[in-house]
Amino acid sequence: MARTAAISRKTGETNIQLSYNIDGEGISEIDSGVPFMNHMLDLFTKHGQFNLTVQANGDIEVDDHHTTEDIGICLGLALKEALGDKKGIKRYGNSFVPMDETLAQVVVDLSNRPHLEFRAEFPSSKVGTFDTELVHEFLWKFALEARINLHVILHYGQNTHHMIEAIFKALARALDEATTIDPRVKGIPSTKGML
């Protein structure tokens, strides 16, 4: 059974169409209107071996906040839908990713208990025109709507672009691990019998 989802979300601030395939080939078609998010979502897709398409129109003449936040919401909803009943998945994922002087770690539990633990501080408030505080906003809305436990730990680094890129790559790799079907797992990976 294909683990895919398509999400449409239209508000007074954004209009987003997103499709997501957990078991993809690293293929992305991203047009968010926010160039830095295009870059992050493209590498997220590649390093997670997902397929992802995003078409977003938002009020970027105001700033990138609403568009970035709403893409996080849509991606979270898509992950939750695509996972279905979660039978046979590994559930947990952990990834360390270095990028030059930076080391980032992301740990996930596809637990149906949404939480974001964000241990990262960036030396710059902007990368290009992108407000770096929106990384937290995106990840929090993603974790909330996907109903996952997401821990982001930036161990060290100096270059803000490298730091954020390492986080997105680590997120992709941790999710790839957690969503993998493990033939040893029979049914739901929880002693409660449900996630």
N, C-alpha and C. Protein backbone atom coordinates (compact mmCIF):
# COMPACT_ATOMS: atom_id res chain seq x y z
N MET A 1 0.84 -1.18 0.00
CA MET A 1 0.00 0.00 0.00
C MET A 1 0.89 1.25 0.00
N ALA A 2 0.59 2.17 -0.89
CA ALA A 2 1.40 3.38 -1.03
C ALA A 2 1.25 4.26 0.20
N ARG A 3 2.38 4.74 0.70
CA ARG A 3 2.35 5.64 1.86
C ARG A 3 2.52 7.07 1.35
N THR A 4 1.41 7.60 0.88
CA THR A 4 1.40 8.92 0.25
C THR A 4 0.26 9.75 0.83
N ALA A 5 0.34 11.06 0.62
CA ALA A 5 -0.73 11.96 1.03
C ALA A 5 -0.67 13.21 0.18
N ALA A 6 -1.84 13.81 -0.02
CA ALA A 6 -1.94 15.11 -0.70
C ALA A 6 -2.76 16.03 0.18
N ILE A 7 -2.23 17.21 0.43
CA ILE A 7 -2.86 18.17 1.33
C ILE A 7 -3.08 19.47 0.58
N SER A 8 -4.28 20.04 0.71
CA SER A 8 -4.57 21.39 0.21
C SER A 8 -5.02 22.23 1.40
N ARG A 9 -4.47 23.43 1.48
CA ARG A 9 -4.83 24.33 2.59
C ARG A 9 -4.89 25.75 2.03
N LYS A 10 -6.05 26.38 2.20
CA LYS A 10 -6.23 27.75 1.72
C LYS A 10 -6.77 28.61 2.85
N THR A 11 -6.06 29.68 3.14
CA THR A 11 -6.49 30.64 4.16
C THR A 11 -6.45 32.03 3.54
N GLY A 12 -6.73 33.03 4.35
CA GLY A 12 -6.63 34.40 3.88
C GLY A 12 -5.19 34.84 3.66
N GLU A 13 -4.24 34.01 4.13
CA GLU A 13 -2.82 34.37 4.04
C GLU A 13 -2.02 33.50 3.07
N THR A 14 -2.45 32.24 2.90
CA THR A 14 -1.70 31.32 2.04
C THR A 14 -2.63 30.39 1.28
N ASN A 15 -2.10 29.85 0.20
CA ASN A 15 -2.79 28.82 -0.58
C ASN A 15 -1.72 27.78 -0.93
N ILE A 16 -1.84 26.58 -0.35
CA ILE A 16 -0.78 25.58 -0.45
C ILE A 16 -1.34 24.25 -0.94
N GLN A 17 -0.67 23.67 -1.93
CA GLN A 17 -0.90 22.29 -2.35
C GLN A 17 0.41 21.53 -2.13
N LEU A 18 0.31 20.41 -1.42
CA LEU A 18 1.49 19.63 -1.08
C LEU A 18 1.20 18.16 -1.25
N SER A 19 2.10 17.43 -1.88
CA SER A 19 1.99 15.97 -1.96
C SER A 19 3.30 15.36 -1.48
N TYR A 20 3.16 14.22 -0.79
CA TYR A 20 4.30 13.62 -0.09
C TYR A 20 4.23 12.11 -0.23
N ASN A 21 5.39 11.52 -0.54
CA ASN A 21 5.50 10.07 -0.64
C ASN A 21 6.67 9.65 0.25
N ILE A 22 6.37 8.89 1.31
CA ILE A 22 7.41 8.44 2.24
C ILE A 22 8.43 7.57 1.51
N ASP A 23 7.95 6.69 0.66
CA ASP A 23 8.81 5.71 -0.02
C ASP A 23 9.16 6.20 -1.42
N GLY A 24 9.84 7.34 -1.45
CA GLY A 24 10.14 7.97 -2.73
C GLY A 24 11.55 7.70 -3.21
N GLU A 25 12.02 8.60 -4.05
CA GLU A 25 13.35 8.49 -4.66
C GLU A 25 14.15 9.77 -4.51
N GLY A 26 13.73 10.64 -3.61
CA GLY A 26 14.45 11.90 -3.41
C GLY A 26 14.12 12.95 -4.45
N ILE A 27 12.91 12.87 -5.01
CA ILE A 27 12.51 13.79 -6.08
C ILE A 27 11.63 14.89 -5.50
N SER A 28 11.99 16.14 -5.79
CA SER A 28 11.22 17.27 -5.28
C SER A 28 10.88 18.25 -6.39
N GLU A 29 9.72 18.87 -6.22
CA GLU A 29 9.30 20.01 -7.05
C GLU A 29 8.76 21.04 -6.07
N ILE A 30 9.59 22.03 -5.74
CA ILE A 30 9.26 22.97 -4.68
C ILE A 30 9.17 24.38 -5.25
N ASP A 31 8.03 25.02 -5.04
CA ASP A 31 7.85 26.43 -5.39
C ASP A 31 7.06 27.07 -4.25
N SER A 32 7.79 27.49 -3.23
CA SER A 32 7.13 28.02 -2.03
C SER A 32 7.01 29.54 -2.05
N GLY A 33 7.76 30.18 -2.94
CA GLY A 33 7.82 31.63 -2.90
C GLY A 33 8.84 32.15 -1.90
N VAL A 34 9.43 31.23 -1.14
CA VAL A 34 10.45 31.58 -0.13
C VAL A 34 11.72 30.84 -0.53
N PRO A 35 12.67 31.50 -1.17
CA PRO A 35 13.82 30.81 -1.75
C PRO A 35 14.59 29.93 -0.77
N PHE A 36 14.81 30.40 0.45
CA PHE A 36 15.57 29.60 1.41
C PHE A 36 14.80 28.33 1.79
N MET A 37 13.47 28.43 1.92
CA MET A 37 12.66 27.23 2.21
C MET A 37 12.67 26.28 1.03
N ASN A 38 12.68 26.80 -0.19
CA ASN A 38 12.82 25.92 -1.36
C ASN A 38 14.07 25.06 -1.22
N HIS A 39 15.17 25.70 -0.86
CA HIS A 39 16.45 25.02 -0.70
C HIS A 39 16.39 23.96 0.41
N MET A 40 15.81 24.32 1.56
CA MET A 40 15.73 23.39 2.69
C MET A 40 14.82 22.20 2.37
N LEU A 41 13.69 22.45 1.74
CA LEU A 41 12.76 21.37 1.42
C LEU A 41 13.32 20.46 0.33
N ASP A 42 14.08 21.03 -0.58
CA ASP A 42 14.72 20.24 -1.63
C ASP A 42 15.72 19.26 -1.02
N LEU A 43 16.57 19.73 -0.13
CA LEU A 43 17.56 18.83 0.47
C LEU A 43 16.92 17.88 1.48
N PHE A 44 15.85 18.32 2.16
CA PHE A 44 15.08 17.43 3.04
C PHE A 44 14.57 16.23 2.24
N THR A 45 14.02 16.49 1.07
CA THR A 45 13.49 15.43 0.22
C THR A 45 14.59 14.49 -0.25
N LYS A 46 15.71 15.06 -0.68
CA LYS A 46 16.82 14.26 -1.21
C LYS A 46 17.41 13.35 -0.14
N HIS A 47 17.65 13.87 1.04
CA HIS A 47 18.33 13.11 2.08
C HIS A 47 17.41 12.16 2.83
N GLY A 48 16.09 12.37 2.70
CA GLY A 48 15.14 11.43 3.30
C GLY A 48 14.65 10.37 2.32
N GLN A 49 15.04 10.52 1.05
CA GLN A 49 14.55 9.63 -0.01
C GLN A 49 13.03 9.64 -0.09
N PHE A 50 12.46 10.84 0.11
CA PHE A 50 11.02 11.03 -0.06
C PHE A 50 10.78 11.58 -1.46
N ASN A 51 9.52 11.69 -1.86
CA ASN A 51 9.11 12.53 -2.98
C ASN A 51 8.22 13.61 -2.40
N LEU A 52 8.45 14.85 -2.82
CA LEU A 52 7.70 15.98 -2.27
C LEU A 52 7.46 17.02 -3.33
N THR A 53 6.21 17.44 -3.46
CA THR A 53 5.88 18.60 -4.28
C THR A 53 5.18 19.63 -3.40
N VAL A 54 5.57 20.87 -3.58
CA VAL A 54 4.97 21.98 -2.83
C VAL A 54 4.73 23.13 -3.80
N GLN A 55 3.49 23.57 -3.84
CA GLN A 55 3.13 24.79 -4.57
C GLN A 55 2.48 25.71 -3.56
N ALA A 56 3.14 26.82 -3.25
CA ALA A 56 2.62 27.72 -2.22
C ALA A 56 2.57 29.15 -2.73
N ASN A 57 1.47 29.80 -2.45
CA ASN A 57 1.32 31.23 -2.70
C ASN A 57 0.92 31.86 -1.37
N GLY A 58 1.77 32.75 -0.88
CA GLY A 58 1.49 33.37 0.41
C GLY A 58 1.75 34.86 0.38
N ASP A 59 1.47 35.49 1.51
CA ASP A 59 1.61 36.94 1.62
C ASP A 59 3.06 37.31 1.93
N ILE A 60 3.95 36.89 1.02
CA ILE A 60 5.38 37.13 1.25
C ILE A 60 5.75 38.61 1.10
N GLU A 61 4.81 39.42 0.61
CA GLU A 61 5.07 40.86 0.59
C GLU A 61 5.07 41.41 2.03
N VAL A 62 4.41 40.69 2.95
CA VAL A 62 4.46 41.05 4.37
C VAL A 62 5.76 40.52 4.96
N ASP A 63 5.89 39.20 4.96
CA ASP A 63 7.15 38.50 5.30
C ASP A 63 6.93 37.02 5.01
N ASP A 64 7.91 36.20 5.37
CA ASP A 64 7.85 34.76 5.04
C ASP A 64 7.16 33.92 6.11
N HIS A 65 6.68 34.56 7.17
CA HIS A 65 6.18 33.83 8.34
C HIS A 65 5.02 32.89 8.00
N HIS A 66 3.95 33.44 7.44
CA HIS A 66 2.74 32.64 7.21
C HIS A 66 2.99 31.50 6.24
N THR A 67 3.76 31.76 5.20
CA THR A 67 4.04 30.72 4.21
C THR A 67 4.86 29.60 4.83
N THR A 68 5.91 29.95 5.56
CA THR A 68 6.77 28.95 6.19
C THR A 68 5.99 28.13 7.21
N GLU A 69 5.22 28.81 8.04
CA GLU A 69 4.41 28.14 9.06
C GLU A 69 3.40 27.18 8.42
N ASP A 70 2.72 27.63 7.40
CA ASP A 70 1.66 26.82 6.79
C ASP A 70 2.22 25.65 6.00
N ILE A 71 3.42 25.78 5.43
CA ILE A 71 4.06 24.62 4.81
C ILE A 71 4.38 23.58 5.88
N GLY A 72 4.85 24.03 7.05
CA GLY A 72 5.08 23.11 8.16
C GLY A 72 3.81 22.39 8.56
N ILE A 73 2.71 23.10 8.63
CA ILE A 73 1.42 22.49 8.95
C ILE A 73 1.06 21.43 7.91
N CYS A 74 1.17 21.78 6.64
CA CYS A 74 0.79 20.85 5.56
C CYS A 74 1.70 19.63 5.51
N LEU A 75 3.00 19.83 5.70
CA LEU A 75 3.92 18.70 5.68
C LEU A 75 3.65 17.78 6.86
N GLY A 76 3.34 18.34 8.02
CA GLY A 76 2.99 17.52 9.18
C GLY A 76 1.73 16.70 8.94
N LEU A 77 0.71 17.34 8.41
CA LEU A 77 -0.53 16.63 8.09
C LEU A 77 -0.28 15.51 7.08
N ALA A 78 0.57 15.79 6.10
CA ALA A 78 0.86 14.79 5.06
C ALA A 78 1.60 13.60 5.66
N LEU A 79 2.59 13.85 6.53
CA LEU A 79 3.30 12.74 7.16
C LEU A 79 2.35 11.88 7.98
N LYS A 80 1.50 12.51 8.77
CA LYS A 80 0.55 11.77 9.60
C LYS A 80 -0.38 10.91 8.75
N GLU A 81 -0.89 11.49 7.67
CA GLU A 81 -1.80 10.74 6.79
C GLU A 81 -1.08 9.60 6.07
N ALA A 82 0.11 9.89 5.57
CA ALA A 82 0.85 8.89 4.80
C ALA A 82 1.27 7.70 5.67
N LEU A 83 1.52 7.93 6.95
CA LEU A 83 1.92 6.84 7.85
C LEU A 83 0.79 5.86 8.13
N GLY A 84 -0.44 6.30 7.98
CA GLY A 84 -1.57 5.40 8.20
C GLY A 84 -1.60 4.86 9.62
N ASP A 85 -1.74 3.55 9.76
CA ASP A 85 -1.85 2.94 11.09
C ASP A 85 -0.50 2.68 11.75
N LYS A 86 0.58 2.95 11.05
CA LYS A 86 1.96 2.84 11.56
C LYS A 86 2.40 1.39 11.83
N LYS A 87 1.68 0.44 11.31
CA LYS A 87 2.07 -0.96 11.50
C LYS A 87 3.42 -1.23 10.85
N GLY A 88 4.31 -1.88 11.60
CA GLY A 88 5.57 -2.34 11.07
C GLY A 88 6.69 -1.32 11.00
N ILE A 89 6.42 -0.05 11.40
CA ILE A 89 7.49 0.95 11.29
C ILE A 89 8.48 0.82 12.44
N LYS A 90 9.67 1.36 12.23
CA LYS A 90 10.67 1.38 13.30
C LYS A 90 10.28 2.33 14.42
N ARG A 91 9.56 3.39 14.10
CA ARG A 91 9.02 4.38 15.02
C ARG A 91 10.03 5.43 15.47
N TYR A 92 11.23 5.01 15.83
CA TYR A 92 12.26 5.94 16.31
C TYR A 92 13.32 6.17 15.23
N GLY A 93 13.87 7.39 15.20
CA GLY A 93 14.97 7.69 14.30
C GLY A 93 15.91 8.69 14.94
N ASN A 94 17.18 8.55 14.65
CA ASN A 94 18.21 9.43 15.21
C ASN A 94 19.26 9.66 14.14
N SER A 95 19.63 10.92 13.92
CA SER A 95 20.64 11.21 12.92
C SER A 95 21.52 12.36 13.35
N PHE A 96 22.83 12.16 13.21
CA PHE A 96 23.81 13.23 13.33
C PHE A 96 24.24 13.61 11.92
N VAL A 97 24.27 14.90 11.64
CA VAL A 97 24.75 15.37 10.33
C VAL A 97 25.76 16.49 10.54
N PRO A 98 26.99 16.30 10.04
CA PRO A 98 27.97 17.39 10.05
C PRO A 98 27.86 18.19 8.76
N MET A 99 28.14 19.47 8.86
CA MET A 99 28.31 20.28 7.66
C MET A 99 29.43 21.28 7.95
N ASP A 100 30.59 21.00 7.41
CA ASP A 100 31.78 21.79 7.69
C ASP A 100 31.99 21.89 9.22
N GLU A 101 31.88 23.09 9.78
CA GLU A 101 32.16 23.28 11.21
C GLU A 101 30.98 22.95 12.12
N THR A 102 29.85 22.59 11.53
CA THR A 102 28.60 22.41 12.26
C THR A 102 28.30 20.94 12.48
N LEU A 103 27.69 20.63 13.63
CA LEU A 103 27.16 19.29 13.88
C LEU A 103 25.75 19.41 14.45
N ALA A 104 24.78 18.84 13.74
CA ALA A 104 23.39 18.85 14.17
C ALA A 104 22.91 17.43 14.41
N GLN A 105 21.98 17.28 15.34
CA GLN A 105 21.37 16.00 15.65
C GLN A 105 19.86 16.17 15.71
N VAL A 106 19.14 15.23 15.13
CA VAL A 106 17.69 15.20 15.23
C VAL A 106 17.26 13.80 15.64
N VAL A 107 16.38 13.74 16.64
CA VAL A 107 15.84 12.48 17.14
C VAL A 107 14.32 12.58 17.07
N VAL A 108 13.68 11.54 16.52
CA VAL A 108 12.22 11.56 16.38
C VAL A 108 11.61 10.29 16.95
N ASP A 109 10.39 10.44 17.45
CA ASP A 109 9.54 9.33 17.86
C ASP A 109 8.18 9.59 17.24
N LEU A 110 7.73 8.70 16.38
CA LEU A 110 6.43 8.85 15.71
C LEU A 110 5.34 8.36 16.65
N SER A 111 5.17 9.07 17.74
CA SER A 111 4.49 8.58 18.94
C SER A 111 3.03 8.98 19.06
N ASN A 112 2.55 9.89 18.23
CA ASN A 112 1.23 10.50 18.38
C ASN A 112 1.17 11.40 19.62
N ARG A 113 2.34 11.80 20.11
CA ARG A 113 2.44 12.72 21.25
C ARG A 113 3.31 13.90 20.81
N PRO A 114 2.68 14.97 20.28
CA PRO A 114 3.46 16.06 19.69
C PRO A 114 4.27 16.85 20.72
N HIS A 115 5.54 17.02 20.39
CA HIS A 115 6.43 17.83 21.22
C HIS A 115 7.62 18.24 20.37
N LEU A 116 8.07 19.47 20.56
CA LEU A 116 9.31 19.92 19.95
C LEU A 116 10.25 20.38 21.05
N GLU A 117 11.41 19.77 21.10
CA GLU A 117 12.51 20.23 21.96
C GLU A 117 13.56 20.81 21.02
N PHE A 118 13.75 22.12 21.08
CA PHE A 118 14.58 22.83 20.11
C PHE A 118 15.77 23.44 20.83
N ARG A 119 16.92 22.80 20.72
CA ARG A 119 18.15 23.27 21.37
C ARG A 119 19.10 23.81 20.31
N ALA A 120 18.76 24.96 19.78
CA ALA A 120 19.56 25.57 18.72
C ALA A 120 19.48 27.08 18.83
N GLU A 121 20.63 27.71 18.71
CA GLU A 121 20.71 29.16 18.63
C GLU A 121 21.57 29.52 17.43
N PHE A 122 21.09 30.49 16.67
CA PHE A 122 21.80 30.89 15.45
C PHE A 122 22.48 32.24 15.65
N PRO A 123 23.71 32.38 15.17
CA PRO A 123 24.41 33.65 15.36
C PRO A 123 23.85 34.80 14.54
N SER A 124 23.12 34.48 13.46
CA SER A 124 22.54 35.53 12.60
C SER A 124 21.02 35.43 12.63
N SER A 125 20.36 36.57 12.59
CA SER A 125 18.89 36.59 12.60
C SER A 125 18.30 36.37 11.21
N LYS A 126 19.16 36.47 10.19
CA LYS A 126 18.69 36.26 8.81
C LYS A 126 19.70 35.45 8.02
N VAL A 127 19.19 34.65 7.09
CA VAL A 127 20.00 34.06 6.03
C VAL A 127 19.40 34.61 4.74
N GLY A 128 20.13 35.49 4.09
CA GLY A 128 19.53 36.22 2.97
C GLY A 128 18.39 37.06 3.50
N THR A 129 17.20 36.84 2.96
CA THR A 129 16.02 37.57 3.43
C THR A 129 15.19 36.74 4.42
N PHE A 130 15.63 35.52 4.71
CA PHE A 130 14.86 34.59 5.55
C PHE A 130 15.16 34.81 7.02
N ASP A 131 14.11 35.00 7.82
CA ASP A 131 14.26 35.16 9.27
C ASP A 131 14.52 33.80 9.91
N THR A 132 15.65 33.66 10.60
CA THR A 132 16.04 32.35 11.12
C THR A 132 15.12 31.86 12.24
N GLU A 133 14.38 32.76 12.89
CA GLU A 133 13.43 32.33 13.91
C GLU A 133 12.31 31.47 13.31
N LEU A 134 12.15 31.53 12.00
CA LEU A 134 11.11 30.74 11.34
C LEU A 134 11.46 29.26 11.27
N VAL A 135 12.71 28.90 11.50
CA VAL A 135 13.07 27.47 11.57
C VAL A 135 12.31 26.82 12.72
N HIS A 136 12.33 27.44 13.87
CA HIS A 136 11.57 26.92 15.03
C HIS A 136 10.08 26.87 14.71
N GLU A 137 9.57 27.93 14.11
CA GLU A 137 8.14 27.99 13.78
C GLU A 137 7.74 26.85 12.86
N PHE A 138 8.53 26.62 11.82
CA PHE A 138 8.26 25.53 10.88
C PHE A 138 8.29 24.18 11.58
N LEU A 139 9.34 23.93 12.37
CA LEU A 139 9.49 22.62 13.01
C LEU A 139 8.41 22.38 14.06
N TRP A 140 8.03 23.41 14.80
CA TRP A 140 6.98 23.24 15.81
C TRP A 140 5.65 22.90 15.15
N LYS A 141 5.28 23.60 14.10
CA LYS A 141 4.01 23.31 13.43
C LYS A 141 4.05 21.94 12.74
N PHE A 142 5.20 21.58 12.19
CA PHE A 142 5.37 20.25 11.60
C PHE A 142 5.18 19.16 12.65
N ALA A 143 5.85 19.28 13.78
CA ALA A 143 5.74 18.28 14.84
C ALA A 143 4.32 18.20 15.39
N LEU A 144 3.69 19.34 15.55
CA LEU A 144 2.33 19.40 16.11
C LEU A 144 1.34 18.69 15.19
N GLU A 145 1.38 19.00 13.91
CA GLU A 145 0.40 18.41 12.98
C GLU A 145 0.73 16.97 12.62
N ALA A 146 2.01 16.61 12.61
CA ALA A 146 2.39 15.21 12.38
C ALA A 146 2.18 14.36 13.63
N ARG A 147 2.03 15.02 14.77
CA ARG A 147 1.88 14.38 16.08
C ARG A 147 3.09 13.48 16.37
N ILE A 148 4.27 14.12 16.27
CA ILE A 148 5.51 13.41 16.55
C ILE A 148 6.28 14.13 17.66
N ASN A 149 7.15 13.38 18.31
CA ASN A 149 8.07 13.93 19.29
C ASN A 149 9.37 14.21 18.54
N LEU A 150 9.77 15.48 18.50
CA LEU A 150 10.89 15.92 17.67
C LEU A 150 11.90 16.67 18.53
N HIS A 151 13.10 16.14 18.60
CA HIS A 151 14.19 16.80 19.34
C HIS A 151 15.25 17.25 18.35
N VAL A 152 15.58 18.53 18.41
CA VAL A 152 16.58 19.14 17.53
C VAL A 152 17.70 19.67 18.42
N ILE A 153 18.90 19.16 18.22
CA ILE A 153 20.04 19.57 19.03
C ILE A 153 21.15 20.02 18.10
N LEU A 154 21.49 21.30 18.20
CA LEU A 154 22.62 21.83 17.44
C LEU A 154 23.82 21.81 18.38
N HIS A 155 24.71 20.85 18.16
CA HIS A 155 25.83 20.67 19.08
C HIS A 155 26.82 21.83 19.00
N TYR A 156 27.13 22.27 17.78
CA TYR A 156 28.00 23.43 17.61
C TYR A 156 27.99 23.85 16.16
N GLY A 157 28.52 25.04 15.93
CA GLY A 157 28.61 25.58 14.59
C GLY A 157 28.84 27.07 14.63
N GLN A 158 29.15 27.67 13.50
CA GLN A 158 29.38 29.10 13.41
C GLN A 158 28.57 29.75 12.29
N ASN A 159 28.39 29.05 11.19
CA ASN A 159 27.71 29.60 10.03
C ASN A 159 26.23 29.24 10.09
N THR A 160 25.39 30.25 10.11
CA THR A 160 23.94 30.03 10.29
C THR A 160 23.34 29.18 9.17
N HIS A 161 23.76 29.43 7.94
CA HIS A 161 23.27 28.62 6.82
C HIS A 161 23.63 27.15 7.03
N HIS A 162 24.88 26.87 7.39
CA HIS A 162 25.30 25.50 7.64
C HIS A 162 24.49 24.86 8.76
N MET A 163 24.22 25.62 9.81
CA MET A 163 23.48 25.10 10.97
C MET A 163 22.07 24.66 10.57
N ILE A 164 21.38 25.53 9.85
CA ILE A 164 19.99 25.22 9.46
C ILE A 164 19.97 24.08 8.46
N GLU A 165 20.89 24.09 7.52
CA GLU A 165 20.95 23.02 6.52
C GLU A 165 21.23 21.67 7.18
N ALA A 166 22.14 21.64 8.14
CA ALA A 166 22.42 20.39 8.84
C ALA A 166 21.21 19.89 9.60
N ILE A 167 20.43 20.80 10.19
CA ILE A 167 19.20 20.42 10.90
C ILE A 167 18.20 19.77 9.94
N PHE A 168 17.99 20.37 8.79
CA PHE A 168 17.02 19.82 7.83
C PHE A 168 17.48 18.47 7.28
N LYS A 169 18.77 18.34 7.04
CA LYS A 169 19.29 17.04 6.57
C LYS A 169 19.15 15.98 7.66
N ALA A 170 19.44 16.34 8.89
CA ALA A 170 19.30 15.38 10.00
C ALA A 170 17.84 15.01 10.21
N LEU A 171 16.94 15.98 10.07
CA LEU A 171 15.51 15.68 10.17
C LEU A 171 15.11 14.66 9.11
N ALA A 172 15.56 14.87 7.90
CA ALA A 172 15.22 13.95 6.81
C ALA A 172 15.71 12.54 7.10
N ARG A 173 16.95 12.43 7.54
CA ARG A 173 17.53 11.11 7.79
C ARG A 173 16.89 10.42 9.00
N ALA A 174 16.56 11.18 10.03
CA ALA A 174 15.88 10.60 11.20
C ALA A 174 14.49 10.11 10.83
N LEU A 175 13.78 10.89 10.01
CA LEU A 175 12.44 10.46 9.58
C LEU A 175 12.51 9.26 8.65
N ASP A 176 13.53 9.22 7.81
CA ASP A 176 13.71 8.06 6.94
C ASP A 176 13.87 6.79 7.78
N GLU A 177 14.67 6.88 8.82
CA GLU A 177 14.87 5.73 9.70
C GLU A 177 13.58 5.36 10.43
N ALA A 178 12.89 6.35 11.00
CA ALA A 178 11.70 6.08 11.82
C ALA A 178 10.54 5.52 11.00
N THR A 179 10.44 5.94 9.74
CA THR A 179 9.32 5.50 8.89
C THR A 179 9.60 4.18 8.18
N THR A 180 10.83 3.69 8.28
CA THR A 180 11.20 2.44 7.60
C THR A 180 10.39 1.27 8.14
N ILE A 181 9.89 0.45 7.23
CA ILE A 181 9.20 -0.78 7.62
C ILE A 181 10.25 -1.82 8.01
N ASP A 182 10.11 -2.33 9.23
CA ASP A 182 11.02 -3.35 9.76
C ASP A 182 10.27 -4.67 9.80
N PRO A 183 10.69 -5.68 9.04
CA PRO A 183 9.95 -6.94 8.98
C PRO A 183 9.88 -7.64 10.34
N ARG A 184 10.74 -7.28 11.27
CA ARG A 184 10.68 -7.89 12.61
C ARG A 184 9.55 -7.32 13.46
N VAL A 185 9.07 -6.12 13.08
CA VAL A 185 8.01 -5.48 13.87
C VAL A 185 6.67 -6.02 13.43
N LYS A 186 5.97 -6.64 14.35
CA LYS A 186 4.64 -7.19 14.07
C LYS A 186 3.59 -6.25 14.62
N GLY A 187 2.81 -5.67 13.73
CA GLY A 187 1.75 -4.77 14.17
C GLY A 187 2.28 -3.40 14.57
N ILE A 188 1.62 -2.79 15.56
CA ILE A 188 1.95 -1.45 16.02
C ILE A 188 3.15 -1.51 16.97
N PRO A 189 4.17 -0.68 16.77
CA PRO A 189 5.36 -0.73 17.63
C PRO A 189 5.14 -0.02 18.97
N SER A 190 4.23 -0.55 19.77
CA SER A 190 3.95 -0.01 21.09
C SER A 190 3.31 -1.09 21.94
N THR A 191 3.68 -1.17 23.22
CA THR A 191 3.06 -2.15 24.12
C THR A 191 1.61 -1.81 24.40
N LYS A 192 1.20 -0.55 24.11
CA LYS A 192 -0.20 -0.15 24.29
C LYS A 192 -1.08 -0.70 23.17
N GLY A 193 -0.44 -1.08 22.05
CA GLY A 193 -1.21 -1.58 20.92
C GLY A 193 -1.73 -0.50 20.00
N MET A 194 -1.36 0.74 20.25
CA MET A 194 -1.77 1.84 19.39
C MET A 194 -0.79 3.00 19.53
N LEU A 195 -0.71 3.79 18.47
CA LEU A 195 0.07 5.02 18.48
C LEU A 195 -0.83 6.17 18.00
